[in-house]
Amino acid sequence: MVVKISPEQLSNLRALERDNYISSLHQIIIKHSPSLADDGGIKFHLIDAEQFVNENGFTDKKIKTEFLIMNAYEPGFYKTNTMQNWILNGTESPEREYVKYQQIRSNFLKRNSGVENE
């Protein structure tokens, strides 16, 4: 049996899936960072970042989730001119450029905290 879904129903299902994803991610962030529980803007930041990753071709669910979490802790980090230039005008896809940024950031933080690179 084939179930037929109208474009409107499909759109509603996608919106519901997105809302559930954002709500779930929001709960995880609050669980691990209770101090953010009173920040009414977290969901907005997650939705905003999700729109950015979708518009810019991010396909890896794990990388998308990391990007959204990063934006919850550092709202709008990707909106600065420097980050926009890095992510959107790099030599690779925006998703890959973000991964490179995270690798460099991680190495920098390890060096400055005294932890040796692995």
PDB file of N, CA and C in Angstrom:
ATOM      1  N   MET A   1       0.838  -1.176   0.000  1.00  0.00           N
ATOM      2  CA  MET A   1       0.000   0.000   0.000  1.00  0.00           C
ATOM      3  C   MET A   1       0.889   1.247   0.000  1.00  0.00           C
ATOM      4  N   VAL A   2       0.602   2.145  -0.874  1.00  0.00           N
ATOM      5  CA  VAL A   2       1.349   3.390  -1.008  1.00  0.00           C
ATOM      6  C   VAL A   2       0.539   4.515  -0.364  1.00  0.00           C
ATOM      7  N   VAL A   3       1.211   5.252   0.501  1.00  0.00           N
ATOM      8  CA  VAL A   3       0.567   6.386   1.144  1.00  0.00           C
ATOM      9  C   VAL A   3       0.938   7.638   0.359  1.00  0.00           C
ATOM     10  N   LYS A   4      -0.071   8.383  -0.028  1.00  0.00           N
ATOM     11  CA  LYS A   4       0.172   9.625  -0.763  1.00  0.00           C
ATOM     12  C   LYS A   4       0.149  10.790   0.214  1.00  0.00           C
ATOM     13  N   ILE A   5       1.187  11.595   0.105  1.00  0.00           N
ATOM     14  CA  ILE A   5       1.310  12.769   0.967  1.00  0.00           C
ATOM     15  C   ILE A   5       1.362  14.001   0.078  1.00  0.00           C
ATOM     16  N   SER A   6       0.547  14.957   0.397  1.00  0.00           N
ATOM     17  CA  SER A   6       0.526  16.196  -0.382  1.00  0.00           C
ATOM     18  C   SER A   6       1.770  17.020  -0.051  1.00  0.00           C
ATOM     19  N   PRO A   7       2.143  17.939  -0.925  1.00  0.00           N
ATOM     20  CA  PRO A   7       3.286  18.820  -0.629  1.00  0.00           C
ATOM     21  C   PRO A   7       3.105  19.582   0.690  1.00  0.00           C
ATOM     22  N   GLU A   8       1.883  19.979   0.978  1.00  0.00           N
ATOM     23  CA  GLU A   8       1.617  20.691   2.231  1.00  0.00           C
ATOM     24  C   GLU A   8       1.840  19.775   3.433  1.00  0.00           C
ATOM     25  N   GLN A   9       1.395  18.534   3.345  1.00  0.00           N
ATOM     26  CA  GLN A   9       1.602  17.581   4.432  1.00  0.00           C
ATOM     27  C   GLN A   9       3.092  17.294   4.621  1.00  0.00           C
ATOM     28  N   LEU A  10       3.800  17.164   3.513  1.00  0.00           N
ATOM     29  CA  LEU A  10       5.242  16.927   3.582  1.00  0.00           C
ATOM     30  C   LEU A  10       5.955  18.110   4.239  1.00  0.00           C
ATOM     31  N   SER A  11       5.544  19.297   3.877  1.00  0.00           N
ATOM     32  CA  SER A  11       6.119  20.504   4.473  1.00  0.00           C
ATOM     33  C   SER A  11       5.837  20.544   5.977  1.00  0.00           C
ATOM     34  N   ASN A  12       4.619  20.183   6.359  1.00  0.00           N
ATOM     35  CA  ASN A  12       4.257  20.158   7.780  1.00  0.00           C
ATOM     36  C   ASN A  12       5.074  19.111   8.541  1.00  0.00           C
ATOM     37  N   LEU A  13       5.306  17.949   7.922  1.00  0.00           N
ATOM     38  CA  LEU A  13       6.115  16.903   8.549  1.00  0.00           C
ATOM     39  C   LEU A  13       7.560  17.367   8.734  1.00  0.00           C
ATOM     40  N   ARG A  14       8.095  18.041   7.729  1.00  0.00           N
ATOM     41  CA  ARG A  14       9.471  18.556   7.837  1.00  0.00           C
ATOM     42  C   ARG A  14       9.582  19.603   8.936  1.00  0.00           C
ATOM     43  N   ALA A  15       8.581  20.466   9.035  1.00  0.00           N
ATOM     44  CA  ALA A  15       8.587  21.499  10.083  1.00  0.00           C
ATOM     45  C   ALA A  15       8.493  20.850  11.460  1.00  0.00           C
ATOM     46  N   LEU A  16       7.666  19.819  11.589  1.00  0.00           N
ATOM     47  CA  LEU A  16       7.540  19.103  12.852  1.00  0.00           C
ATOM     48  C   LEU A  16       8.844  18.408  13.214  1.00  0.00           C
ATOM     49  N   GLU A  17       9.469  17.792  12.230  1.00  0.00           N
ATOM     50  CA  GLU A  17      10.760  17.123  12.460  1.00  0.00           C
ATOM     51  C   GLU A  17      11.811  18.137  12.913  1.00  0.00           C
ATOM     52  N   ARG A  18      11.857  19.293  12.260  1.00  0.00           N
ATOM     53  CA  ARG A  18      12.802  20.345  12.643  1.00  0.00           C
ATOM     54  C   ARG A  18      12.524  20.837  14.053  1.00  0.00           C
ATOM     55  N   ASP A  19      11.260  21.067  14.370  1.00  0.00           N
ATOM     56  CA  ASP A  19      10.906  21.543  15.707  1.00  0.00           C
ATOM     57  C   ASP A  19      11.295  20.527  16.779  1.00  0.00           C
ATOM     58  N   ASN A  20      11.073  19.249  16.504  1.00  0.00           N
ATOM     59  CA  ASN A  20      11.452  18.197  17.459  1.00  0.00           C
ATOM     60  C   ASN A  20      12.970  18.141  17.640  1.00  0.00           C
ATOM     61  N   TYR A  21      13.694  18.267  16.531  1.00  0.00           N
ATOM     62  CA  TYR A  21      15.164  18.268  16.565  1.00  0.00           C
ATOM     63  C   TYR A  21      15.673  19.441  17.401  1.00  0.00           C
ATOM     64  N   ILE A  22      15.145  20.631  17.153  1.00  0.00           N
ATOM     65  CA  ILE A  22      15.561  21.835  17.875  1.00  0.00           C
ATOM     66  C   ILE A  22      15.211  21.704  19.360  1.00  0.00           C
ATOM     67  N   SER A  23      14.024  21.224  19.669  1.00  0.00           N
ATOM     68  CA  SER A  23      13.613  21.060  21.066  1.00  0.00           C
ATOM     69  C   SER A  23      14.488  20.043  21.789  1.00  0.00           C
ATOM     70  N   SER A  24      14.785  18.956  21.111  1.00  0.00           N
ATOM     71  CA  SER A  24      15.640  17.925  21.697  1.00  0.00           C
ATOM     72  C   SER A  24      17.039  18.467  21.961  1.00  0.00           C
ATOM     73  N   LEU A  25      17.582  19.172  20.990  1.00  0.00           N
ATOM     74  CA  LEU A  25      18.912  19.761  21.139  1.00  0.00           C
ATOM     75  C   LEU A  25      18.919  20.804  22.258  1.00  0.00           C
ATOM     76  N   HIS A  26      17.878  21.589  22.325  1.00  0.00           N
ATOM     77  CA  HIS A  26      17.735  22.592  23.381  1.00  0.00           C
ATOM     78  C   HIS A  26      17.762  21.921  24.751  1.00  0.00           C
ATOM     79  N   GLN A  27      17.041  20.829  24.911  1.00  0.00           N
ATOM     80  CA  GLN A  27      17.002  20.112  26.188  1.00  0.00           C
ATOM     81  C   GLN A  27      18.379  19.554  26.561  1.00  0.00           C
ATOM     82  N   ILE A  28      19.097  19.049  25.573  1.00  0.00           N
ATOM     83  CA  ILE A  28      20.445  18.521  25.826  1.00  0.00           C
ATOM     84  C   ILE A  28      21.375  19.637  26.298  1.00  0.00           C
ATOM     85  N   ILE A  29      21.286  20.781  25.647  1.00  0.00           N
ATOM     86  CA  ILE A  29      22.136  21.922  26.025  1.00  0.00           C
ATOM     87  C   ILE A  29      21.818  22.375  27.446  1.00  0.00           C
ATOM     88  N   ILE A  30      20.543  22.489  27.770  1.00  0.00           N
ATOM     89  CA  ILE A  30      20.127  22.920  29.106  1.00  0.00           C
ATOM     90  C   ILE A  30      20.568  21.898  30.158  1.00  0.00           C
ATOM     91  N   LYS A  31      20.470  20.615  29.820  1.00  0.00           N
ATOM     92  CA  LYS A  31      20.878  19.563  30.756  1.00  0.00           C
ATOM     93  C   LYS A  31      22.361  19.690  31.109  1.00  0.00           C
ATOM     94  N   HIS A  32      23.179  19.979  30.084  1.00  0.00           N
ATOM     95  CA  HIS A  32      24.626  20.056  30.300  1.00  0.00           C
ATOM     96  C   HIS A  32      25.105  21.444  30.730  1.00  0.00           C
ATOM     97  N   SER A  33      24.280  22.433  30.536  1.00  0.00           N
ATOM     98  CA  SER A  33      24.627  23.808  30.932  1.00  0.00           C
ATOM     99  C   SER A  33      23.401  24.468  31.557  1.00  0.00           C
ATOM    100  N   PRO A  34      23.060  24.086  32.779  1.00  0.00           N
ATOM    101  CA  PRO A  34      21.852  24.615  33.418  1.00  0.00           C
ATOM    102  C   PRO A  34      21.799  26.145  33.486  1.00  0.00           C
ATOM    103  N   SER A  35      22.951  26.782  33.467  1.00  0.00           N
ATOM    104  CA  SER A  35      22.967  28.246  33.525  1.00  0.00           C
ATOM    105  C   SER A  35      22.313  28.873  32.297  1.00  0.00           C
ATOM    106  N   LEU A  36      22.170  28.102  31.229  1.00  0.00           N
ATOM    107  CA  LEU A  36      21.540  28.619  30.014  1.00  0.00           C
ATOM    108  C   LEU A  36      20.019  28.452  30.026  1.00  0.00           C
ATOM    109  N   ALA A  37      19.485  27.819  31.058  1.00  0.00           N
ATOM    110  CA  ALA A  37      18.046  27.539  31.119  1.00  0.00           C
ATOM    111  C   ALA A  37      17.205  28.811  31.041  1.00  0.00           C
ATOM    112  N   ASP A  38      17.719  29.900  31.584  1.00  0.00           N
ATOM    113  CA  ASP A  38      16.960  31.152  31.591  1.00  0.00           C
ATOM    114  C   ASP A  38      17.182  31.996  30.338  1.00  0.00           C
ATOM    115  N   ASP A  39      18.031  31.520  29.451  1.00  0.00           N
ATOM    116  CA  ASP A  39      18.306  32.251  28.214  1.00  0.00           C
ATOM    117  C   ASP A  39      17.200  31.937  27.202  1.00  0.00           C
ATOM    118  N   GLY A  40      16.269  32.836  27.081  1.00  0.00           N
ATOM    119  CA  GLY A  40      15.135  32.633  26.178  1.00  0.00           C
ATOM    120  C   GLY A  40      15.503  32.652  24.707  1.00  0.00           C
ATOM    121  N   GLY A  41      16.725  33.021  24.393  1.00  0.00           N
ATOM    122  CA  GLY A  41      17.130  33.112  22.996  1.00  0.00           C
ATOM    123  C   GLY A  41      17.764  31.863  22.423  1.00  0.00           C
ATOM    124  N   ILE A  42      17.995  30.853  23.262  1.00  0.00           N
ATOM    125  CA  ILE A  42      18.700  29.654  22.792  1.00  0.00           C
ATOM    126  C   ILE A  42      17.983  29.022  21.602  1.00  0.00           C
ATOM    127  N   LYS A  43      16.679  28.806  21.718  1.00  0.00           N
ATOM    128  CA  LYS A  43      15.948  28.163  20.605  1.00  0.00           C
ATOM    129  C   LYS A  43      16.042  29.007  19.340  1.00  0.00           C
ATOM    130  N   PHE A  44      15.942  30.328  19.490  1.00  0.00           N
ATOM    131  CA  PHE A  44      16.086  31.211  18.329  1.00  0.00           C
ATOM    132  C   PHE A  44      17.455  31.032  17.687  1.00  0.00           C
ATOM    133  N   HIS A  45      18.497  30.968  18.513  1.00  0.00           N
ATOM    134  CA  HIS A  45      19.854  30.801  17.984  1.00  0.00           C
ATOM    135  C   HIS A  45      19.998  29.454  17.265  1.00  0.00           C
ATOM    136  N   LEU A  46      19.381  28.427  17.818  1.00  0.00           N
ATOM    137  CA  LEU A  46      19.433  27.106  17.180  1.00  0.00           C
ATOM    138  C   LEU A  46      18.714  27.121  15.832  1.00  0.00           C
ATOM    139  N   ILE A  47      17.538  27.719  15.796  1.00  0.00           N
ATOM    140  CA  ILE A  47      16.768  27.796  14.547  1.00  0.00           C
ATOM    141  C   ILE A  47      17.526  28.604  13.506  1.00  0.00           C
ATOM    142  N   ASP A  48      18.093  29.724  13.933  1.00  0.00           N
ATOM    143  CA  ASP A  48      18.843  30.595  13.025  1.00  0.00           C
ATOM    144  C   ASP A  48      20.042  29.852  12.428  1.00  0.00           C
ATOM    145  N   ALA A  49      20.780  29.142  13.282  1.00  0.00           N
ATOM    146  CA  ALA A  49      21.945  28.393  12.810  1.00  0.00           C
ATOM    147  C   ALA A  49      21.522  27.242  11.901  1.00  0.00           C
ATOM    148  N   GLU A  50      20.398  26.615  12.229  1.00  0.00           N
ATOM    149  CA  GLU A  50      19.929  25.509  11.391  1.00  0.00           C
ATOM    150  C   GLU A  50      19.565  26.004   9.987  1.00  0.00           C
ATOM    151  N   GLN A  51      18.977  27.158   9.927  1.00  0.00           N
ATOM    152  CA  GLN A  51      18.656  27.746   8.632  1.00  0.00           C
ATOM    153  C   GLN A  51      19.937  28.006   7.837  1.00  0.00           C
ATOM    154  N   PHE A  52      20.963  28.521   8.500  1.00  0.00           N
ATOM    155  CA  PHE A  52      22.238  28.796   7.832  1.00  0.00           C
ATOM    156  C   PHE A  52      22.856  27.517   7.268  1.00  0.00           C
ATOM    157  N   VAL A  53      22.934  26.452   8.091  1.00  0.00           N
ATOM    158  CA  VAL A  53      23.575  25.220   7.612  1.00  0.00           C
ATOM    159  C   VAL A  53      22.778  24.595   6.468  1.00  0.00           C
ATOM    160  N   ASN A  54      21.456  24.684   6.544  1.00  0.00           N
ATOM    161  CA  ASN A  54      20.636  24.135   5.459  1.00  0.00           C
ATOM    162  C   ASN A  54      20.793  24.935   4.172  1.00  0.00           C
ATOM    163  N   GLU A  55      20.844  26.240   4.287  1.00  0.00           N
ATOM    164  CA  GLU A  55      21.004  27.100   3.110  1.00  0.00           C
ATOM    165  C   GLU A  55      22.380  26.965   2.474  1.00  0.00           C
ATOM    166  N   ASN A  56      23.359  26.521   3.254  1.00  0.00           N
ATOM    167  CA  ASN A  56      24.730  26.460   2.750  1.00  0.00           C
ATOM    168  C   ASN A  56      25.244  25.048   2.528  1.00  0.00           C
ATOM    169  N   GLY A  57      24.326  24.114   2.400  1.00  0.00           N
ATOM    170  CA  GLY A  57      24.673  22.781   1.928  1.00  0.00           C
ATOM    171  C   GLY A  57      25.333  21.839   2.910  1.00  0.00           C
ATOM    172  N   PHE A  58      25.201  22.083   4.204  1.00  0.00           N
ATOM    173  CA  PHE A  58      25.726  21.128   5.175  1.00  0.00           C
ATOM    174  C   PHE A  58      24.883  19.861   5.079  1.00  0.00           C
ATOM    175  N   THR A  59      25.534  18.710   5.008  1.00  0.00           N
ATOM    176  CA  THR A  59      24.793  17.457   4.859  1.00  0.00           C
ATOM    177  C   THR A  59      25.024  16.480   6.003  1.00  0.00           C
ATOM    178  N   ASP A  60      26.153  16.567   6.671  1.00  0.00           N
ATOM    179  CA  ASP A  60      26.482  15.646   7.752  1.00  0.00           C
ATOM    180  C   ASP A  60      25.729  16.065   9.024  1.00  0.00           C
ATOM    181  N   LYS A  61      24.867  15.180   9.502  1.00  0.00           N
ATOM    182  CA  LYS A  61      24.018  15.485  10.669  1.00  0.00           C
ATOM    183  C   LYS A  61      24.857  15.835  11.911  1.00  0.00           C
ATOM    184  N   LYS A  62      25.956  15.131  12.107  1.00  0.00           N
ATOM    185  CA  LYS A  62      26.812  15.391  13.267  1.00  0.00           C
ATOM    186  C   LYS A  62      27.433  16.786  13.188  1.00  0.00           C
ATOM    187  N   ILE A  63      27.917  17.151  12.020  1.00  0.00           N
ATOM    188  CA  ILE A  63      28.528  18.475  11.846  1.00  0.00           C
ATOM    189  C   ILE A  63      27.475  19.569  12.006  1.00  0.00           C
ATOM    190  N   LYS A  64      26.281  19.334  11.459  1.00  0.00           N
ATOM    191  CA  LYS A  64      25.199  20.309  11.622  1.00  0.00           C
ATOM    192  C   LYS A  64      24.877  20.507  13.100  1.00  0.00           C
ATOM    193  N   THR A  65      24.793  19.406  13.837  1.00  0.00           N
ATOM    194  CA  THR A  65      24.476  19.484  15.263  1.00  0.00           C
ATOM    195  C   THR A  65      25.574  20.230  16.018  1.00  0.00           C
ATOM    196  N   GLU A  66      26.830  19.941  15.713  1.00  0.00           N
ATOM    197  CA  GLU A  66      27.940  20.646  16.359  1.00  0.00           C
ATOM    198  C   GLU A  66      27.883  22.141  16.064  1.00  0.00           C
ATOM    199  N   PHE A  67      27.535  22.483  14.835  1.00  0.00           N
ATOM    200  CA  PHE A  67      27.424  23.891  14.443  1.00  0.00           C
ATOM    201  C   PHE A  67      26.334  24.574  15.272  1.00  0.00           C
ATOM    202  N   LEU A  68      25.184  23.931  15.408  1.00  0.00           N
ATOM    203  CA  LEU A  68      24.088  24.505  16.179  1.00  0.00           C
ATOM    204  C   LEU A  68      24.463  24.668  17.646  1.00  0.00           C
ATOM    205  N   ILE A  69      25.131  23.668  18.203  1.00  0.00           N
ATOM    206  CA  ILE A  69      25.552  23.747  19.597  1.00  0.00           C
ATOM    207  C   ILE A  69      26.553  24.886  19.780  1.00  0.00           C
ATOM    208  N   MET A  70      27.479  25.002  18.859  1.00  0.00           N
ATOM    209  CA  MET A  70      28.459  26.093  18.915  1.00  0.00           C
ATOM    210  C   MET A  70      27.729  27.442  18.932  1.00  0.00           C
ATOM    211  N   ASN A  71      26.694  27.548  18.122  1.00  0.00           N
ATOM    212  CA  ASN A  71      25.950  28.807  18.065  1.00  0.00           C
ATOM    213  C   ASN A  71      25.133  29.057  19.333  1.00  0.00           C
ATOM    214  N   ALA A  72      24.751  28.006  20.025  1.00  0.00           N
ATOM    215  CA  ALA A  72      24.045  28.186  21.298  1.00  0.00           C
ATOM    216  C   ALA A  72      24.969  28.815  22.338  1.00  0.00           C
ATOM    217  N   TYR A  73      26.229  28.412  22.316  1.00  0.00           N
ATOM    218  CA  TYR A  73      27.205  28.927  23.285  1.00  0.00           C
ATOM    219  C   TYR A  73      27.864  30.228  22.824  1.00  0.00           C
ATOM    220  N   GLU A  74      27.955  30.415  21.528  1.00  0.00           N
ATOM    221  CA  GLU A  74      28.552  31.633  20.965  1.00  0.00           C
ATOM    222  C   GLU A  74      27.614  32.173  19.889  1.00  0.00           C
ATOM    223  N   PRO A  75      26.482  32.749  20.316  1.00  0.00           N
ATOM    224  CA  PRO A  75      25.464  33.193  19.352  1.00  0.00           C
ATOM    225  C   PRO A  75      26.022  34.099  18.256  1.00  0.00           C
ATOM    226  N   GLY A  76      25.687  33.720  17.027  1.00  0.00           N
ATOM    227  CA  GLY A  76      26.077  34.528  15.879  1.00  0.00           C
ATOM    228  C   GLY A  76      27.536  34.442  15.497  1.00  0.00           C
ATOM    229  N   PHE A  77      28.263  33.452  16.016  1.00  0.00           N
ATOM    230  CA  PHE A  77      29.701  33.355  15.724  1.00  0.00           C
ATOM    231  C   PHE A  77      29.978  33.336  14.226  1.00  0.00           C
ATOM    232  N   TYR A  78      29.087  32.756  13.467  1.00  0.00           N
ATOM    233  CA  TYR A  78      29.284  32.598  12.024  1.00  0.00           C
ATOM    234  C   TYR A  78      28.828  33.823  11.230  1.00  0.00           C
ATOM    235  N   LYS A  79      28.293  34.819  11.911  1.00  0.00           N
ATOM    236  CA  LYS A  79      27.788  36.005  11.220  1.00  0.00           C
ATOM    237  C   LYS A  79      28.813  37.128  11.106  1.00  0.00           C
ATOM    238  N   THR A  80      29.943  36.969  11.776  1.00  0.00           N
ATOM    239  CA  THR A  80      30.970  38.007  11.669  1.00  0.00           C
ATOM    240  C   THR A  80      31.523  37.990  10.247  1.00  0.00           C
ATOM    241  N   ASN A  81      32.039  39.114   9.815  1.00  0.00           N
ATOM    242  CA  ASN A  81      32.603  39.195   8.459  1.00  0.00           C
ATOM    243  C   ASN A  81      33.713  38.172   8.248  1.00  0.00           C
ATOM    244  N   THR A  82      34.548  38.004   9.266  1.00  0.00           N
ATOM    245  CA  THR A  82      35.667  37.062   9.161  1.00  0.00           C
ATOM    246  C   THR A  82      35.165  35.641   8.961  1.00  0.00           C
ATOM    247  N   MET A  83      34.194  35.230   9.776  1.00  0.00           N
ATOM    248  CA  MET A  83      33.676  33.862   9.663  1.00  0.00           C
ATOM    249  C   MET A  83      32.889  33.669   8.373  1.00  0.00           C
ATOM    250  N   GLN A  84      32.122  34.664   7.981  1.00  0.00           N
ATOM    251  CA  GLN A  84      31.388  34.565   6.720  1.00  0.00           C
ATOM    252  C   GLN A  84      32.357  34.368   5.565  1.00  0.00           C
ATOM    253  N   ASN A  85      33.439  35.135   5.582  1.00  0.00           N
ATOM    254  CA  ASN A  85      34.437  35.019   4.532  1.00  0.00           C
ATOM    255  C   ASN A  85      35.089  33.640   4.559  1.00  0.00           C
ATOM    256  N   TRP A  86      35.428  33.168   5.749  1.00  0.00           N
ATOM    257  CA  TRP A  86      36.083  31.864   5.890  1.00  0.00           C
ATOM    258  C   TRP A  86      35.160  30.741   5.420  1.00  0.00           C
ATOM    259  N   ILE A  87      33.972  30.698   5.974  1.00  0.00           N
ATOM    260  CA  ILE A  87      33.065  29.585   5.692  1.00  0.00           C
ATOM    261  C   ILE A  87      32.521  29.619   4.265  1.00  0.00           C
ATOM    262  N   LEU A  88      32.146  30.788   3.800  1.00  0.00           N
ATOM    263  CA  LEU A  88      31.462  30.875   2.501  1.00  0.00           C
ATOM    264  C   LEU A  88      32.381  31.085   1.307  1.00  0.00           C
ATOM    265  N   ASN A  89      33.602  31.554   1.549  1.00  0.00           N
ATOM    266  CA  ASN A  89      34.500  31.846   0.426  1.00  0.00           C
ATOM    267  C   ASN A  89      35.781  31.026   0.460  1.00  0.00           C
ATOM    268  N   GLY A  90      35.740  29.925   1.167  1.00  0.00           N
ATOM    269  CA  GLY A  90      36.924  29.067   1.250  1.00  0.00           C
ATOM    270  C   GLY A  90      37.110  28.250  -0.017  1.00  0.00           C
ATOM    271  N   THR A  91      38.114  27.400   0.008  1.00  0.00           N
ATOM    272  CA  THR A  91      38.423  26.581  -1.164  1.00  0.00           C
ATOM    273  C   THR A  91      37.558  25.320  -1.235  1.00  0.00           C
ATOM    274  N   GLU A  92      36.876  25.005  -0.121  1.00  0.00           N
ATOM    275  CA  GLU A  92      36.026  23.818  -0.085  1.00  0.00           C
ATOM    276  C   GLU A  92      34.594  24.225   0.270  1.00  0.00           C
ATOM    277  N   SER A  93      33.733  23.243   0.453  1.00  0.00           N
ATOM    278  CA  SER A  93      32.337  23.525   0.797  1.00  0.00           C
ATOM    279  C   SER A  93      32.259  24.235   2.149  1.00  0.00           C
ATOM    280  N   PRO A  94      31.203  25.007   2.378  1.00  0.00           N
ATOM    281  CA  PRO A  94      31.053  25.654   3.686  1.00  0.00           C
ATOM    282  C   PRO A  94      31.130  24.656   4.850  1.00  0.00           C
ATOM    283  N   GLU A  95      30.561  23.473   4.667  1.00  0.00           N
ATOM    284  CA  GLU A  95      30.619  22.456   5.718  1.00  0.00           C
ATOM    285  C   GLU A  95      32.065  22.064   6.011  1.00  0.00           C
ATOM    286  N   ARG A  96      32.833  21.821   4.982  1.00  0.00           N
ATOM    287  CA  ARG A  96      34.239  21.424   5.145  1.00  0.00           C
ATOM    288  C   ARG A  96      35.067  22.574   5.729  1.00  0.00           C
ATOM    289  N   GLU A  97      34.777  23.794   5.321  1.00  0.00           N
ATOM    290  CA  GLU A  97      35.493  24.953   5.867  1.00  0.00           C
ATOM    291  C   GLU A  97      35.197  25.104   7.358  1.00  0.00           C
ATOM    292  N   TYR A  98      33.980  24.815   7.766  1.00  0.00           N
ATOM    293  CA  TYR A  98      33.640  24.863   9.188  1.00  0.00           C
ATOM    294  C   TYR A  98      34.417  23.788   9.961  1.00  0.00           C
ATOM    295  N   VAL A  99      34.525  22.599   9.396  1.00  0.00           N
ATOM    296  CA  VAL A  99      35.286  21.522  10.035  1.00  0.00           C
ATOM    297  C   VAL A  99      36.750  21.959  10.202  1.00  0.00           C
ATOM    298  N   LYS A 100      37.319  22.563   9.169  1.00  0.00           N
ATOM    299  CA  LYS A 100      38.698  23.044   9.269  1.00  0.00           C
ATOM    300  C   LYS A 100      38.822  24.099  10.372  1.00  0.00           C
ATOM    301  N   TYR A 101      37.852  25.002  10.442  1.00  0.00           N
ATOM    302  CA  TYR A 101      37.850  26.019  11.490  1.00  0.00           C
ATOM    303  C   TYR A 101      37.842  25.370  12.868  1.00  0.00           C
ATOM    304  N   GLN A 102      36.992  24.365  13.058  1.00  0.00           N
ATOM    305  CA  GLN A 102      36.896  23.692  14.350  1.00  0.00           C
ATOM    306  C   GLN A 102      38.205  22.987  14.704  1.00  0.00           C
ATOM    307  N   GLN A 103      38.858  22.393  13.727  1.00  0.00           N
ATOM    308  CA  GLN A 103      40.131  21.724  13.976  1.00  0.00           C
ATOM    309  C   GLN A 103      41.194  22.729  14.424  1.00  0.00           C
ATOM    310  N   ILE A 104      41.270  23.838  13.736  1.00  0.00           N
ATOM    311  CA  ILE A 104      42.242  24.876  14.085  1.00  0.00           C
ATOM    312  C   ILE A 104      41.912  25.454  15.457  1.00  0.00           C
ATOM    313  N   ARG A 105      40.650  25.716  15.715  1.00  0.00           N
ATOM    314  CA  ARG A 105      40.210  26.259  17.006  1.00  0.00           C
ATOM    315  C   ARG A 105      40.558  25.295  18.133  1.00  0.00           C
ATOM    316  N   SER A 106      40.284  24.021  17.930  1.00  0.00           N
ATOM    317  CA  SER A 106      40.578  23.005  18.941  1.00  0.00           C
ATOM    318  C   SER A 106      42.071  22.940  19.241  1.00  0.00           C
ATOM    319  N   ASN A 107      42.894  22.932  18.198  1.00  0.00           N
ATOM    320  CA  ASN A 107      44.352  22.903  18.381  1.00  0.00           C
ATOM    321  C   ASN A 107      44.840  24.145  19.114  1.00  0.00           C
ATOM    322  N   PHE A 108      44.287  25.286  18.766  1.00  0.00           N
ATOM    323  CA  PHE A 108      44.658  26.538  19.418  1.00  0.00           C
ATOM    324  C   PHE A 108      44.314  26.496  20.907  1.00  0.00           C
ATOM    325  N   LEU A 109      43.097  26.027  21.228  1.00  0.00           N
ATOM    326  CA  LEU A 109      42.683  25.951  22.625  1.00  0.00           C
ATOM    327  C   LEU A 109      43.537  24.962  23.412  1.00  0.00           C
ATOM    328  N   LYS A 110      43.904  23.845  22.792  1.00  0.00           N
ATOM    329  CA  LYS A 110      44.760  22.872  23.465  1.00  0.00           C
ATOM    330  C   LYS A 110      46.127  23.466  23.768  1.00  0.00           C
ATOM    331  N   ARG A 111      46.693  24.160  22.793  1.00  0.00           N
ATOM    332  CA  ARG A 111      48.017  24.769  22.998  1.00  0.00           C
ATOM    333  C   ARG A 111      47.966  25.805  24.117  1.00  0.00           C
ATOM    334  N   ASN A 112      46.929  26.607  24.142  1.00  0.00           N
ATOM    335  CA  ASN A 112      46.836  27.675  25.138  1.00  0.00           C
ATOM    336  C   ASN A 112      46.437  27.181  26.517  1.00  0.00           C
ATOM    337  N   SER A 113      45.920  25.973  26.602  1.00  0.00           N
ATOM    338  CA  SER A 113      45.556  25.442  27.917  1.00  0.00           C
ATOM    339  C   SER A 113      46.617  24.511  28.465  1.00  0.00           C
ATOM    340  N   GLY A 114      47.669  24.284  27.696  1.00  0.00           N
ATOM    341  CA  GLY A 114      48.759  23.424  28.138  1.00  0.00           C
ATOM    342  C   GLY A 114      48.566  21.955  27.813  1.00  0.00           C
ATOM    343  N   VAL A 115      47.476  21.613  27.147  1.00  0.00           N
ATOM    344  CA  VAL A 115      47.231  20.225  26.752  1.00  0.00           C
ATOM    345  C   VAL A 115      47.934  19.973  25.440  1.00  0.00           C
ATOM    346  N   GLU A 116      48.689  18.892  25.367  1.00  0.00           N
ATOM    347  CA  GLU A 116      49.411  18.594  24.131  1.00  0.00           C
ATOM    348  C   GLU A 116      48.466  18.054  23.076  1.00  0.00           C
ATOM    349  N   ASN A 117      48.795  18.334  21.817  1.00  0.00           N
ATOM    350  CA  ASN A 117      47.996  17.815  20.698  1.00  0.00           C
ATOM    351  C   ASN A 117      48.144  16.313  20.650  1.00  0.00           C
ATOM    352  N   GLU A 118      47.083  15.663  20.259  1.00  0.00           N
ATOM    353  CA  GLU A 118      47.101  14.202  20.156  1.00  0.00           C
ATOM    354  C   GLU A 118      47.609  13.782  18.793  1.00  0.00           C
TER     355      GLU A 118
END
